[in-house]
């Protein structure tokens, strides 16, 4: 069973906003739903009914990789003051390249789970339900 922290990471990597304590996420009360054939289910239900092998892939392949990629993005600031040093030349597009790689893995996560990424992940606008 996925931990609360893992569920939170999955939702944010998919591009969906946090819920906090304003509403309890349950199988039938979520802000994210997906269509599977003739059925519509919540993201919560999808994530809490995975097989053991699906959870293993989700944790070991996707969450591990995304955590590593996300951590590497802020470290690009270490090289912002260097344009060229000796033979080494800094990739001026390093952060953009890392952002794109990170986002491509986020989309892969969504595809594995079977839910569309949030509109913000694809450069769209944020939808707010009132």
Protein backbone atom coordinates (compact mmCIF):
# COMPACT_ATOMS: atom_id res chain seq x y z
CA UNK A 1 0.00 0.00 0.00
CA UNK A 2 1.32 3.43 -0.93
CA UNK A 3 2.09 5.80 1.94
CA UNK A 4 0.40 9.19 2.29
CA UNK A 5 3.66 10.87 1.26
CA UNK A 6 3.87 8.72 -1.88
CA UNK A 7 0.25 9.49 -2.75
CA UNK A 8 0.98 13.20 -2.32
CA UNK A 9 4.10 12.98 -4.50
CA UNK A 10 2.21 11.13 -7.23
CA UNK A 11 -0.55 13.75 -7.31
CA UNK A 12 1.88 16.66 -7.48
CA UNK A 13 4.09 14.97 -10.08
CA UNK A 14 0.94 14.50 -12.17
CA UNK A 15 0.40 18.26 -11.83
CA UNK A 16 -2.63 18.23 -9.57
CA UNK A 17 -2.93 20.72 -6.74
CA UNK A 18 -2.77 19.88 -3.07
CA UNK A 19 -5.90 19.28 -1.07
CA UNK A 20 -4.72 19.97 2.47
CA UNK A 21 -7.33 19.43 5.13
CA UNK A 22 -10.16 21.20 3.31
CA UNK A 23 -11.60 17.96 2.00
CA UNK A 24 -11.03 14.31 2.65
CA UNK A 25 -9.93 12.38 -0.42
CA UNK A 26 -11.82 9.11 -0.76
CA UNK A 27 -12.65 6.73 -3.57
CA UNK A 28 -15.78 8.76 -4.34
CA UNK A 29 -14.64 12.24 -3.31
CA UNK A 30 -11.67 13.51 -5.29
CA UNK A 31 -10.90 16.36 -7.65
CA UNK A 32 -9.32 14.11 -10.28
CA UNK A 33 -11.24 11.48 -12.23
CA UNK A 34 -10.32 9.32 -15.20
CA UNK A 35 -12.20 7.20 -17.68
CA UNK A 36 -11.42 3.51 -18.00
CA UNK A 37 -13.62 2.03 -20.70
CA UNK A 38 -17.18 2.59 -19.50
CA UNK A 39 -16.13 3.39 -15.91
CA UNK A 40 -15.11 6.69 -14.37
CA UNK A 41 -12.99 6.38 -11.24
CA UNK A 42 -11.16 8.75 -8.95
CA UNK A 43 -7.39 9.01 -8.90
CA UNK A 44 -7.52 8.02 -5.24
CA UNK A 45 -9.34 4.79 -6.06
CA UNK A 46 -6.90 4.04 -8.88
CA UNK A 47 -3.87 4.53 -6.63
CA UNK A 48 -5.29 2.55 -3.71
CA UNK A 49 -6.29 -0.48 -5.79
CA UNK A 50 -2.99 -1.18 -7.57
CA UNK A 51 -1.54 -4.67 -7.62
CA UNK A 52 1.67 -5.29 -5.70
CA UNK A 53 3.68 -5.43 -8.92
CA UNK A 54 2.16 -2.14 -10.16
CA UNK A 55 3.05 -0.46 -6.86
CA UNK A 56 6.60 -1.77 -7.13
CA UNK A 57 7.02 -0.30 -10.61
CA UNK A 58 5.39 2.95 -9.53
CA UNK A 59 7.72 3.32 -6.54
CA UNK A 60 10.97 1.92 -7.94
CA UNK A 61 10.77 3.27 -11.48
CA UNK A 62 8.72 6.43 -11.36
CA UNK A 63 8.88 7.90 -7.84
CA UNK A 64 12.58 7.13 -7.40
CA UNK A 65 13.47 8.66 -10.77
CA UNK A 66 11.22 11.69 -10.34
CA UNK A 67 12.59 12.40 -6.84
CA UNK A 68 16.13 12.29 -8.23
CA UNK A 69 15.32 14.49 -11.23
CA UNK A 70 13.42 17.01 -9.11
CA UNK A 71 16.32 17.30 -6.66
CA UNK A 72 18.79 17.92 -9.49
CA UNK A 73 16.91 20.95 -10.90
CA UNK A 74 17.68 23.42 -8.08
CA UNK A 75 21.34 22.35 -8.14
CA UNK A 76 21.69 24.01 -11.55
CA UNK A 77 21.93 27.29 -9.63
CA UNK A 78 25.41 26.20 -8.53
CA UNK A 79 26.64 26.97 -12.05
CA UNK A 80 24.74 30.17 -12.79
CA UNK A 81 27.82 32.30 -12.15
CA UNK A 82 30.08 30.28 -14.48
CA UNK A 83 29.95 30.60 -18.24
CA UNK A 84 33.30 29.02 -18.96
CA UNK A 85 36.04 27.66 -16.74
CA UNK A 86 39.24 26.19 -18.21
CA UNK A 87 38.11 23.59 -20.72
CA UNK A 88 34.75 23.03 -19.10
CA UNK A 89 31.87 25.10 -20.49
CA UNK A 90 28.58 25.27 -18.65
CA UNK A 91 25.45 24.21 -20.55
CA UNK A 92 23.46 27.45 -20.59
CA UNK A 93 20.31 25.41 -21.14
CA UNK A 94 20.93 23.03 -18.25
CA UNK A 95 17.89 24.03 -16.21
CA UNK A 96 15.61 24.02 -19.25
CA UNK A 97 16.96 20.61 -20.26
CA UNK A 98 16.48 19.23 -16.74
CA UNK A 99 12.96 20.72 -16.53
CA UNK A 100 12.03 19.04 -19.82
CA UNK A 101 13.47 15.70 -18.71
CA UNK A 102 11.63 15.95 -15.39
CA UNK A 103 8.35 16.85 -17.12
CA UNK A 104 8.73 14.01 -19.63
CA UNK A 105 9.00 11.57 -16.72
CA UNK A 106 5.95 13.18 -15.10
CA UNK A 107 3.97 12.51 -18.29
CA UNK A 108 5.27 8.91 -18.35
CA UNK A 109 4.00 8.50 -14.78
CA UNK A 110 0.55 9.70 -15.86
CA UNK A 111 0.55 7.30 -18.79
CA UNK A 112 1.52 4.40 -16.53
CA UNK A 113 -1.29 5.22 -14.10
CA UNK A 114 -3.72 5.76 -16.97
CA UNK A 115 -4.77 9.29 -16.07
CA UNK A 116 -4.16 12.42 -18.12
CA UNK A 117 -1.63 14.90 -16.76
CA UNK A 118 -3.06 18.10 -15.38
CA UNK A 119 -3.50 20.91 -17.91
CA UNK A 120 -0.69 22.84 -16.18
CA UNK A 121 1.80 20.04 -16.87
CA UNK A 122 1.28 20.53 -20.59
CA UNK A 123 1.62 24.32 -20.37
CA UNK A 124 -2.11 24.93 -20.11
CA UNK A 125 -4.05 26.90 -17.58
CA UNK A 126 -4.96 25.82 -14.11
CA UNK A 127 -8.55 24.73 -13.57
CA UNK A 128 -10.18 25.52 -10.26
CA UNK A 129 -13.41 23.89 -9.20
CA UNK A 130 -15.56 25.99 -6.88
